[in-house]
Amino acid sequence: MSPPAEKPRPLLDLQQRSTLAGEAAAAAAEVETALDTQADPTSAAFFDVDNTVMQGASIFHLARGLHRRKFFTTGEILGAAWKQAYFRIVGVEDPEHVADARNSALSFIAGHTVLELQELGEEIFEEAMAHRIWPGTRALAQLHLDQGQRVWLVTAAPIEIAQIIARRLGLTGAMGTVAEHEDGVYTGRLVGDLLHGPAKAEAIKALAAREGLALETCSAYSDSYNDLPMLSLVGDPCAINPDSKLRSHAREQGWRIRDYRTGRKAVRAGLLVGAAAGAVSGTVAAGVALRARRR
């Protein structure tokens, strides 16, 4: 006798998914020991990771490192990337396909354990990420710590790697995309959605409520116009290595702007970010990277 079919999960709209992803990220955020005492307990700083704290995309470096360790096959990551690309090209008419494409963002970790990803993430940070941290951004984060403020990373990358980065940099903690797991084994589904755009703002609001933060005295840093919801939520927003849209908006609003790239890199990165502004899944970048390595 075959087991009963699993009941389909209800489809949620974007706002519901963003709220759920934000609440899950805030709930999963673990406070590190960067500060023994908080001189300013109601203020904090929130940093995006990719191209803000670190040069390049953390999910790119993570996926490449996992692939080298046979964590998944090239076919698995390209299959996930194809689902994302198909979804963006064809559109959103089929709700089931939308849900499938969204969950494929981290589907390649299904069947692996949380402990396994955490241990490999530590190795991959050392070999592929540590030397890509922007010194200028790290100095800004340290300035907030020195002022007795807490510092959190807020990223669409898996929360496991976000927490590793935060711990290695001596920050307070991190919030990232939460992949569902049961008994310590990943199911291949996300909790809510990727921690991207509006979901980051929801995560910060949930954390602020939990930690007693006054958002008007908090700071936020990002390179991307997609993070406008997060930047607009605080009293002190700052554009770091900004794309062209964010740079224009920051100038109009009188926000601080910091650029730690060389002139040539800044122009090139601005063009690339502008072309990829609609991409919300690291699997596409990872898939392209893996194909490039095989050429």
C-alpha atoms as a PDB file:
ATOM      1  CA  MET A   1       0.000   0.000   0.000  1.00  0.00           C
ATOM      2  CA  SER A   2       1.489   3.286  -1.077  1.00  0.00           C
ATOM      3  CA  PRO A   3       1.870   6.089   1.525  1.00  0.00           C
ATOM      4  CA  PRO A   4      -0.673   8.927   1.436  1.00  0.00           C
ATOM      5  CA  ALA A   5       0.255  11.794  -0.866  1.00  0.00           C
ATOM      6  CA  GLU A   6       1.636  14.902   0.819  1.00  0.00           C
ATOM      7  CA  LYS A   7      -0.919  17.685   1.017  1.00  0.00           C
ATOM      8  CA  PRO A   8      -0.014  20.619  -1.239  1.00  0.00           C
ATOM      9  CA  ARG A   9       1.186  23.681   0.608  1.00  0.00           C
ATOM     10  CA  PRO A  10      -0.903  26.852   0.207  1.00  0.00           C
ATOM     11  CA  LEU A  11       0.549  29.422  -2.202  1.00  0.00           C
ATOM     12  CA  LEU A  12       1.418  32.721  -0.566  1.00  0.00           C
ATOM     13  CA  ASP A  13       1.642  36.149  -2.148  1.00  0.00           C
ATOM     14  CA  LEU A  14       4.883  38.153  -2.260  1.00  0.00           C
ATOM     15  CA  GLN A  15       4.160  40.168   0.883  1.00  0.00           C
ATOM     16  CA  GLN A  16       3.314  37.062   2.881  1.00  0.00           C
ATOM     17  CA  ARG A  17       6.443  35.269   1.648  1.00  0.00           C
ATOM     18  CA  SER A  18       8.614  38.306   2.409  1.00  0.00           C
ATOM     19  CA  THR A  19       7.168  38.584   5.915  1.00  0.00           C
ATOM     20  CA  LEU A  20       7.632  34.876   6.562  1.00  0.00           C
ATOM     21  CA  ALA A  21      11.212  34.940   5.242  1.00  0.00           C
ATOM     22  CA  GLY A  22      12.027  38.002   7.355  1.00  0.00           C
ATOM     23  CA  GLU A  23      10.547  36.543  10.519  1.00  0.00           C
ATOM     24  CA  ALA A  24      12.352  33.243   9.942  1.00  0.00           C
ATOM     25  CA  ALA A  25      15.664  35.023   9.389  1.00  0.00           C
ATOM     26  CA  ALA A  26      15.247  37.105  12.554  1.00  0.00           C
ATOM     27  CA  ALA A  27      14.254  34.051  14.582  1.00  0.00           C
ATOM     28  CA  ALA A  28      17.266  32.095  13.322  1.00  0.00           C
ATOM     29  CA  ALA A  29      19.706  34.943  13.964  1.00  0.00           C
ATOM     30  CA  GLU A  30      22.098  34.042  16.747  1.00  0.00           C
ATOM     31  CA  VAL A  31      23.761  36.810  18.739  1.00  0.00           C
ATOM     32  CA  GLU A  32      27.529  36.406  18.714  1.00  0.00           C
ATOM     33  CA  THR A  33      29.882  37.642  21.433  1.00  0.00           C
ATOM     34  CA  ALA A  34      31.274  40.680  19.629  1.00  0.00           C
ATOM     35  CA  LEU A  35      30.089  42.976  22.405  1.00  0.00           C
ATOM     36  CA  ASP A  36      30.257  42.126  26.093  1.00  0.00           C
ATOM     37  CA  THR A  37      28.410  45.320  26.996  1.00  0.00           C
ATOM     38  CA  GLN A  38      26.240  47.488  24.797  1.00  0.00           C
ATOM     39  CA  ALA A  39      26.797  51.190  25.393  1.00  0.00           C
ATOM     40  CA  ASP A  40      24.085  51.964  22.840  1.00  0.00           C
ATOM     41  CA  PRO A  41      21.535  49.119  23.086  1.00  0.00           C
ATOM     42  CA  THR A  42      18.852  50.778  20.943  1.00  0.00           C
ATOM     43  CA  SER A  43      21.074  51.384  17.896  1.00  0.00           C
ATOM     44  CA  ALA A  44      22.480  48.933  15.378  1.00  0.00           C
ATOM     45  CA  ALA A  45      23.952  48.783  11.882  1.00  0.00           C
ATOM     46  CA  PHE A  46      22.763  46.461   9.121  1.00  0.00           C
ATOM     47  CA  PHE A  47      25.071  45.457   6.274  1.00  0.00           C
ATOM     48  CA  ASP A  48      24.216  43.735   3.013  1.00  0.00           C
ATOM     49  CA  VAL A  49      26.971  41.241   2.115  1.00  0.00           C
ATOM     50  CA  ASP A  50      27.434  40.812  -1.645  1.00  0.00           C
ATOM     51  CA  ASN A  51      29.506  43.681  -3.109  1.00  0.00           C
ATOM     52  CA  THR A  52      28.974  45.612   0.140  1.00  0.00           C
ATOM     53  CA  VAL A  53      31.010  43.661   2.687  1.00  0.00           C
ATOM     54  CA  MET A  54      32.512  41.219   0.209  1.00  0.00           C
ATOM     55  CA  GLN A  55      33.665  41.528  -3.378  1.00  0.00           C
ATOM     56  CA  GLY A  56      31.368  39.355  -5.495  1.00  0.00           C
ATOM     57  CA  ALA A  57      28.465  37.113  -4.499  1.00  0.00           C
ATOM     58  CA  SER A  58      28.837  34.883  -1.442  1.00  0.00           C
ATOM     59  CA  ILE A  59      26.465  32.267  -2.904  1.00  0.00           C
ATOM     60  CA  PHE A  60      28.725  32.120  -5.992  1.00  0.00           C
ATOM     61  CA  HIS A  61      31.784  31.324  -3.876  1.00  0.00           C
ATOM     62  CA  LEU A  62      29.803  28.902  -1.708  1.00  0.00           C
ATOM     63  CA  ALA A  63      28.326  27.009  -4.662  1.00  0.00           C
ATOM     64  CA  ARG A  64      31.699  26.726  -6.391  1.00  0.00           C
ATOM     65  CA  GLY A  65      33.329  25.450  -3.208  1.00  0.00           C
ATOM     66  CA  LEU A  66      30.553  22.922  -2.605  1.00  0.00           C
ATOM     67  CA  HIS A  67      30.776  21.718  -6.194  1.00  0.00           C
ATOM     68  CA  ARG A  68      34.514  21.137  -5.859  1.00  0.00           C
ATOM     69  CA  ARG A  69      33.775  18.994  -2.804  1.00  0.00           C
ATOM     70  CA  LYS A  70      31.196  16.903  -4.714  1.00  0.00           C
ATOM     71  CA  PHE A  71      28.402  18.296  -2.507  1.00  0.00           C
ATOM     72  CA  PHE A  72      26.212  18.300  -5.619  1.00  0.00           C
ATOM     73  CA  THR A  73      26.614  17.518  -9.296  1.00  0.00           C
ATOM     74  CA  THR A  74      26.931  19.984 -12.140  1.00  0.00           C
ATOM     75  CA  GLY A  75      23.606  18.697 -13.448  1.00  0.00           C
ATOM     76  CA  GLU A  76      21.842  19.513 -10.172  1.00  0.00           C
ATOM     77  CA  ILE A  77      23.023  23.106 -10.013  1.00  0.00           C
ATOM     78  CA  LEU A  78      22.364  23.705 -13.717  1.00  0.00           C
ATOM     79  CA  GLY A  79      18.901  22.209 -13.310  1.00  0.00           C
ATOM     80  CA  ALA A  80      18.120  24.662 -10.537  1.00  0.00           C
ATOM     81  CA  ALA A  81      19.527  27.525 -12.602  1.00  0.00           C
ATOM     82  CA  TRP A  82      17.403  26.483 -15.588  1.00  0.00           C
ATOM     83  CA  LYS A  83      14.223  26.599 -13.495  1.00  0.00           C
ATOM     84  CA  GLN A  84      15.063  30.130 -12.426  1.00  0.00           C
ATOM     85  CA  ALA A  85      15.854  31.252 -15.976  1.00  0.00           C
ATOM     86  CA  TYR A  86      12.692  29.631 -17.390  1.00  0.00           C
ATOM     87  CA  PHE A  87      10.566  31.296 -14.737  1.00  0.00           C
ATOM     88  CA  ARG A  88      11.949  34.740 -15.587  1.00  0.00           C
ATOM     89  CA  ILE A  89      11.592  34.286 -19.361  1.00  0.00           C
ATOM     90  CA  VAL A  90       8.147  32.653 -19.512  1.00  0.00           C
ATOM     91  CA  GLY A  91       6.414  34.648 -16.796  1.00  0.00           C
ATOM     92  CA  VAL A  92       4.239  33.986 -13.775  1.00  0.00           C
ATOM     93  CA  GLU A  93       1.036  32.529 -15.206  1.00  0.00           C
ATOM     94  CA  ASP A  94       1.481  29.116 -13.595  1.00  0.00           C
ATOM     95  CA  PRO A  95       1.401  29.423  -9.754  1.00  0.00           C
ATOM     96  CA  GLU A  96       2.818  25.929  -9.269  1.00  0.00           C
ATOM     97  CA  HIS A  97       5.793  26.737 -11.485  1.00  0.00           C
ATOM     98  CA  VAL A  98       6.377  29.985  -9.583  1.00  0.00           C
ATOM     99  CA  ALA A  99       6.564  28.052  -6.308  1.00  0.00           C
ATOM    100  CA  ASP A 100       8.843  25.427  -7.884  1.00  0.00           C
ATOM    101  CA  ALA A 101      11.205  28.054  -9.298  1.00  0.00           C
ATOM    102  CA  ARG A 102      11.364  29.867  -5.969  1.00  0.00           C
ATOM    103  CA  ASN A 103      12.176  26.717  -4.012  1.00  0.00           C
ATOM    104  CA  SER A 104      14.815  25.653  -6.560  1.00  0.00           C
ATOM    105  CA  ALA A 105      17.012  28.493  -5.284  1.00  0.00           C
ATOM    106  CA  LEU A 106      18.416  26.158  -2.622  1.00  0.00           C
ATOM    107  CA  SER A 107      17.054  22.820  -3.795  1.00  0.00           C
ATOM    108  CA  PHE A 108      20.544  21.468  -4.450  1.00  0.00           C
ATOM    109  CA  ILE A 109      21.166  21.118  -0.696  1.00  0.00           C
ATOM    110  CA  ALA A 110      18.199  18.766  -0.204  1.00  0.00           C
ATOM    111  CA  GLY A 111      19.198  15.597   1.621  1.00  0.00           C
ATOM    112  CA  HIS A 112      22.344  17.115   3.114  1.00  0.00           C
ATOM    113  CA  THR A 113      22.650  17.954   6.803  1.00  0.00           C
ATOM    114  CA  VAL A 114      22.877  21.376   8.392  1.00  0.00           C
ATOM    115  CA  LEU A 115      26.095  20.354  10.152  1.00  0.00           C
ATOM    116  CA  GLU A 116      27.641  19.306   6.845  1.00  0.00           C
ATOM    117  CA  LEU A 117      26.942  22.680   5.240  1.00  0.00           C
ATOM    118  CA  GLN A 118      28.222  24.552   8.274  1.00  0.00           C
ATOM    119  CA  GLU A 119      31.506  22.622   8.356  1.00  0.00           C
ATOM    120  CA  LEU A 120      32.124  23.024   4.632  1.00  0.00           C
ATOM    121  CA  GLY A 121      31.125  26.685   4.845  1.00  0.00           C
ATOM    122  CA  GLU A 122      33.949  27.308   7.329  1.00  0.00           C
ATOM    123  CA  GLU A 123      36.471  25.843   4.882  1.00  0.00           C
ATOM    124  CA  ILE A 124      35.066  27.730   1.901  1.00  0.00           C
ATOM    125  CA  PHE A 125      35.131  31.049   3.761  1.00  0.00           C
ATOM    126  CA  GLU A 126      38.859  30.628   4.389  1.00  0.00           C
ATOM    127  CA  GLU A 127      39.752  29.669   0.827  1.00  0.00           C
ATOM    128  CA  ALA A 128      37.413  31.864  -1.204  1.00  0.00           C
ATOM    129  CA  MET A 129      35.885  34.672   0.859  1.00  0.00           C
ATOM    130  CA  ALA A 130      38.221  35.949   3.584  1.00  0.00           C
ATOM    131  CA  HIS A 131      40.534  37.778   1.164  1.00  0.00           C
ATOM    132  CA  ARG A 132      37.555  39.349  -0.643  1.00  0.00           C
ATOM    133  CA  ILE A 133      36.294  41.374   2.334  1.00  0.00           C
ATOM    134  CA  TRP A 134      36.364  45.111   1.564  1.00  0.00           C
ATOM    135  CA  PRO A 135      38.679  46.721   4.193  1.00  0.00           C
ATOM    136  CA  GLY A 136      36.737  49.994   4.036  1.00  0.00           C
ATOM    137  CA  THR A 137      33.408  48.337   4.804  1.00  0.00           C
ATOM    138  CA  ARG A 138      34.932  46.261   7.567  1.00  0.00           C
ATOM    139  CA  ALA A 139      36.291  49.473   9.093  1.00  0.00           C
ATOM    140  CA  LEU A 140      32.802  50.995   9.031  1.00  0.00           C
ATOM    141  CA  ALA A 141      31.392  47.947  10.795  1.00  0.00           C
ATOM    142  CA  GLN A 142      34.146  48.139  13.411  1.00  0.00           C
ATOM    143  CA  LEU A 143      33.360  51.813  13.970  1.00  0.00           C
ATOM    144  CA  HIS A 144      29.804  50.892  14.952  1.00  0.00           C
ATOM    145  CA  LEU A 145      31.095  48.161  17.264  1.00  0.00           C
ATOM    146  CA  ASP A 146      33.519  50.620  18.864  1.00  0.00           C
ATOM    147  CA  GLN A 147      30.576  52.929  19.530  1.00  0.00           C
ATOM    148  CA  GLY A 148      28.833  50.144  21.420  1.00  0.00           C
ATOM    149  CA  GLN A 149      26.346  49.352  18.666  1.00  0.00           C
ATOM    150  CA  ARG A 150      25.401  45.917  17.384  1.00  0.00           C
ATOM    151  CA  VAL A 151      26.200  45.030  13.769  1.00  0.00           C
ATOM    152  CA  TRP A 152      24.156  42.545  11.736  1.00  0.00           C
ATOM    153  CA  LEU A 153      24.615  41.129   8.256  1.00  0.00           C
ATOM    154  CA  VAL A 154      21.418  40.930   6.169  1.00  0.00           C
ATOM    155  CA  THR A 155      21.764  38.839   3.016  1.00  0.00           C
ATOM    156  CA  ALA A 156      19.952  36.583   0.554  1.00  0.00           C
ATOM    157  CA  ALA A 157      22.720  34.024   1.026  1.00  0.00           C
ATOM    158  CA  PRO A 158      21.930  30.972   3.206  1.00  0.00           C
ATOM    159  CA  ILE A 159      21.858  31.934   6.866  1.00  0.00           C
ATOM    160  CA  GLU A 160      24.486  29.287   7.637  1.00  0.00           C
ATOM    161  CA  ILE A 161      27.157  31.023   5.544  1.00  0.00           C
ATOM    162  CA  ALA A 162      25.975  34.473   6.689  1.00  0.00           C
ATOM    163  CA  GLN A 163      26.548  33.465  10.300  1.00  0.00           C
ATOM    164  CA  ILE A 164      30.028  32.185   9.483  1.00  0.00           C
ATOM    165  CA  ILE A 165      30.959  35.511   7.849  1.00  0.00           C
ATOM    166  CA  ALA A 166      29.579  37.469  10.810  1.00  0.00           C
ATOM    167  CA  ARG A 167      31.452  35.343  13.324  1.00  0.00           C
ATOM    168  CA  ARG A 168      34.743  35.547  11.421  1.00  0.00           C
ATOM    169  CA  LEU A 169      34.458  39.351  11.236  1.00  0.00           C
ATOM    170  CA  GLY A 170      33.587  39.659  14.919  1.00  0.00           C
ATOM    171  CA  LEU A 171      30.096  41.040  14.254  1.00  0.00           C
ATOM    172  CA  THR A 172      27.016  40.609  16.384  1.00  0.00           C
ATOM    173  CA  GLY A 173      25.126  38.208  14.125  1.00  0.00           C
ATOM    174  CA  ALA A 174      23.509  37.646  10.747  1.00  0.00           C
ATOM    175  CA  MET A 175      20.210  37.140   8.997  1.00  0.00           C
ATOM    176  CA  GLY A 176      19.955  35.218   5.725  1.00  0.00           C
ATOM    177  CA  THR A 177      17.730  32.973   3.650  1.00  0.00           C
ATOM    178  CA  VAL A 178      16.390  30.125   5.772  1.00  0.00           C
ATOM    179  CA  ALA A 179      16.246  26.702   4.146  1.00  0.00           C
ATOM    180  CA  GLU A 180      13.751  24.342   5.717  1.00  0.00           C
ATOM    181  CA  HIS A 181      15.203  21.315   7.477  1.00  0.00           C
ATOM    182  CA  GLU A 182      13.731  18.423   9.407  1.00  0.00           C
ATOM    183  CA  ASP A 183      15.780  16.589  12.036  1.00  0.00           C
ATOM    184  CA  GLY A 184      18.847  18.451  10.807  1.00  0.00           C
ATOM    185  CA  VAL A 185      18.393  17.422   7.144  1.00  0.00           C
ATOM    186  CA  TYR A 186      17.480  19.951   4.438  1.00  0.00           C
ATOM    187  CA  THR A 187      14.177  19.371   2.634  1.00  0.00           C
ATOM    188  CA  GLY A 188      15.105  21.526  -0.375  1.00  0.00           C
ATOM    189  CA  ARG A 189      12.384  24.088   0.378  1.00  0.00           C
ATOM    190  CA  LEU A 190      12.696  27.652   1.619  1.00  0.00           C
ATOM    191  CA  VAL A 191      10.953  29.114   4.652  1.00  0.00           C
ATOM    192  CA  GLY A 192       8.922  31.860   3.005  1.00  0.00           C
ATOM    193  CA  ASP A 193      11.196  33.251   0.296  1.00  0.00           C
ATOM    194  CA  LEU A 194      14.725  34.417  -0.375  1.00  0.00           C
ATOM    195  CA  LEU A 195      15.798  37.162   2.039  1.00  0.00           C
ATOM    196  CA  HIS A 196      15.825  39.739  -0.739  1.00  0.00           C
ATOM    197  CA  GLY A 197      14.360  43.206  -1.217  1.00  0.00           C
ATOM    198  CA  PRO A 198      11.229  43.627   0.954  1.00  0.00           C
ATOM    199  CA  ALA A 199      12.068  40.495   2.956  1.00  0.00           C
ATOM    200  CA  LYS A 200      15.222  42.174   4.301  1.00  0.00           C
ATOM    201  CA  ALA A 201      13.146  45.044   5.646  1.00  0.00           C
ATOM    202  CA  GLU A 202      10.768  42.572   7.272  1.00  0.00           C
ATOM    203  CA  ALA A 203      13.703  40.775   8.908  1.00  0.00           C
ATOM    204  CA  ILE A 204      15.080  44.038  10.306  1.00  0.00           C
ATOM    205  CA  LYS A 205      11.662  45.062  11.658  1.00  0.00           C
ATOM    206  CA  ALA A 206      11.235  41.679  13.340  1.00  0.00           C
ATOM    207  CA  LEU A 207      14.732  41.845  14.841  1.00  0.00           C
ATOM    208  CA  ALA A 208      14.202  45.437  15.992  1.00  0.00           C
ATOM    209  CA  ALA A 209      11.018  44.420  17.801  1.00  0.00           C
ATOM    210  CA  ARG A 210      12.816  41.499  19.451  1.00  0.00           C
ATOM    211  CA  GLU A 211      15.943  43.424  20.427  1.00  0.00           C
ATOM    212  CA  GLY A 212      14.352  46.770  21.332  1.00  0.00           C
ATOM    213  CA  LEU A 213      16.031  48.756  18.554  1.00  0.00           C
ATOM    214  CA  ALA A 214      14.976  52.270  17.530  1.00  0.00           C
ATOM    215  CA  LEU A 215      15.217  52.155  13.724  1.00  0.00           C
ATOM    216  CA  GLU A 216      15.476  55.932  13.416  1.00  0.00           C
ATOM    217  CA  THR A 217      18.862  55.722  15.199  1.00  0.00           C
ATOM    218  CA  CYS A 218      20.077  52.710  13.189  1.00  0.00           C
ATOM    219  CA  SER A 219      22.242  52.580  10.064  1.00  0.00           C
ATOM    220  CA  ALA A 220      22.060  50.407   6.947  1.00  0.00           C
ATOM    221  CA  TYR A 221      24.571  49.775   4.155  1.00  0.00           C
ATOM    222  CA  SER A 222      24.090  48.266   0.698  1.00  0.00           C
ATOM    223  CA  ASP A 223      25.339  48.390  -2.882  1.00  0.00           C
ATOM    224  CA  SER A 224      21.997  47.654  -4.552  1.00  0.00           C
ATOM    225  CA  TYR A 225      18.869  49.611  -5.428  1.00  0.00           C
ATOM    226  CA  ASN A 226      16.994  46.375  -4.660  1.00  0.00           C
ATOM    227  CA  ASP A 227      17.778  47.026  -0.984  1.00  0.00           C
ATOM    228  CA  LEU A 228      15.927  50.329  -0.932  1.00  0.00           C
ATOM    229  CA  PRO A 229      13.291  48.916   1.478  1.00  0.00           C
ATOM    230  CA  MET A 230      16.067  48.165   3.993  1.00  0.00           C
ATOM    231  CA  LEU A 231      17.900  51.455   3.471  1.00  0.00           C
ATOM    232  CA  SER A 232      14.722  53.526   3.736  1.00  0.00           C
ATOM    233  CA  LEU A 233      13.789  51.842   7.012  1.00  0.00           C
ATOM    234  CA  VAL A 234      16.595  53.401   9.074  1.00  0.00           C
ATOM    235  CA  GLY A 235      17.609  56.917   9.975  1.00  0.00           C
ATOM    236  CA  ASP A 236      21.141  56.627   8.601  1.00  0.00           C
ATOM    237  CA  PRO A 237      21.328  54.859   5.205  1.00  0.00           C
ATOM    238  CA  CYS A 238      24.592  54.608   3.269  1.00  0.00           C
ATOM    239  CA  ALA A 239      25.319  53.406  -0.275  1.00  0.00           C
ATOM    240  CA  ILE A 240      28.461  51.247  -0.502  1.00  0.00           C
ATOM    241  CA  ASN A 241      29.940  50.527  -3.957  1.00  0.00           C
ATOM    242  CA  PRO A 242      26.499  51.462  -5.341  1.00  0.00           C
ATOM    243  CA  ASP A 243      24.915  50.483  -8.636  1.00  0.00           C
ATOM    244  CA  SER A 244      23.894  53.425 -10.835  1.00  0.00           C
ATOM    245  CA  LYS A 245      20.262  53.551  -9.648  1.00  0.00           C
ATOM    246  CA  LEU A 246      21.197  53.505  -5.984  1.00  0.00           C
ATOM    247  CA  ARG A 247      23.915  56.105  -6.507  1.00  0.00           C
ATOM    248  CA  SER A 248      21.412  58.468  -8.141  1.00  0.00           C
ATOM    249  CA  HIS A 249      18.836  57.888  -5.417  1.00  0.00           C
ATOM    250  CA  ALA A 250      21.412  58.355  -2.652  1.00  0.00           C
ATOM    251  CA  ARG A 251      22.526  61.666  -4.152  1.00  0.00           C
ATOM    252  CA  GLU A 252      18.932  62.870  -4.416  1.00  0.00           C
ATOM    253  CA  GLN A 253      18.250  61.952  -0.789  1.00  0.00           C
ATOM    254  CA  GLY A 254      21.554  63.271   0.550  1.00  0.00           C
ATOM    255  CA  TRP A 255      22.660  59.845   1.789  1.00  0.00           C
ATOM    256  CA  ARG A 256      26.285  58.987   2.426  1.00  0.00           C
ATOM    257  CA  ILE A 257      28.083  57.236  -0.448  1.00  0.00           C
ATOM    258  CA  ARG A 258      31.269  55.191  -0.097  1.00  0.00           C
ATOM    259  CA  ASP A 259      33.009  53.471  -3.006  1.00  0.00           C
ATOM    260  CA  TYR A 260      35.963  51.184  -2.311  1.00  0.00           C
ATOM    261  CA  ARG A 261      36.436  49.958  -5.891  1.00  0.00           C
ATOM    262  CA  THR A 262      38.976  51.297  -8.349  1.00  0.00           C
ATOM    263  CA  GLY A 263      37.552  53.502 -11.100  1.00  0.00           C
ATOM    264  CA  ARG A 264      37.657  50.765 -13.744  1.00  0.00           C
ATOM    265  CA  LYS A 265      36.129  48.177 -11.433  1.00  0.00           C
ATOM    266  CA  ALA A 266      33.408  50.580 -10.367  1.00  0.00           C
ATOM    267  CA  VAL A 267      32.312  51.252 -13.939  1.00  0.00           C
ATOM    268  CA  ARG A 268      32.402  47.587 -14.902  1.00  0.00           C
ATOM    269  CA  ALA A 269      30.539  46.507 -11.779  1.00  0.00           C
ATOM    270  CA  GLY A 270      27.915  49.188 -12.295  1.00  0.00           C
ATOM    271  CA  LEU A 271      27.186  47.903 -15.789  1.00  0.00           C
ATOM    272  CA  LEU A 272      27.018  44.293 -14.653  1.00  0.00           C
ATOM    273  CA  VAL A 273      24.779  45.041 -11.676  1.00  0.00           C
ATOM    274  CA  GLY A 274      22.449  47.114 -13.810  1.00  0.00           C
ATOM    275  CA  ALA A 275      22.091  44.293 -16.319  1.00  0.00           C
ATOM    276  CA  ALA A 276      21.353  41.784 -13.564  1.00  0.00           C
ATOM    277  CA  ALA A 277      19.193  43.936 -11.304  1.00  0.00           C
ATOM    278  CA  GLY A 278      16.195  41.647 -11.642  1.00  0.00           C
ATOM    279  CA  ALA A 279      18.013  38.475 -10.623  1.00  0.00           C
ATOM    280  CA  VAL A 280      17.124  37.247  -7.137  1.00  0.00           C
ATOM    281  CA  SER A 281      18.599  33.751  -7.137  1.00  0.00           C
ATOM    282  CA  GLY A 282      22.243  32.864  -6.633  1.00  0.00           C
ATOM    283  CA  THR A 283      21.707  29.616  -8.529  1.00  0.00           C
ATOM    284  CA  VAL A 284      21.797  31.402 -11.873  1.00  0.00           C
ATOM    285  CA  ALA A 285      25.189  32.923 -11.105  1.00  0.00           C
ATOM    286  CA  ALA A 286      26.439  29.625  -9.769  1.00  0.00           C
ATOM    287  CA  GLY A 287      25.246  27.765 -12.840  1.00  0.00           C
ATOM    288  CA  VAL A 288      26.935  30.217 -15.180  1.00  0.00           C
ATOM    289  CA  ALA A 289      30.136  29.936 -13.149  1.00  0.00           C
ATOM    290  CA  LEU A 290      30.161  26.161 -13.334  1.00  0.00           C
ATOM    291  CA  ARG A 291      29.534  26.171 -17.069  1.00  0.00           C
ATOM    292  CA  ALA A 292      32.340  28.710 -17.528  1.00  0.00           C
ATOM    293  CA  ARG A 293      34.773  26.485 -15.650  1.00  0.00           C
ATOM    294  CA  ARG A 294      34.074  23.613 -18.025  1.00  0.00           C
ATOM    295  CA  ARG A 295      34.889  25.611 -21.176  1.00  0.00           C
END
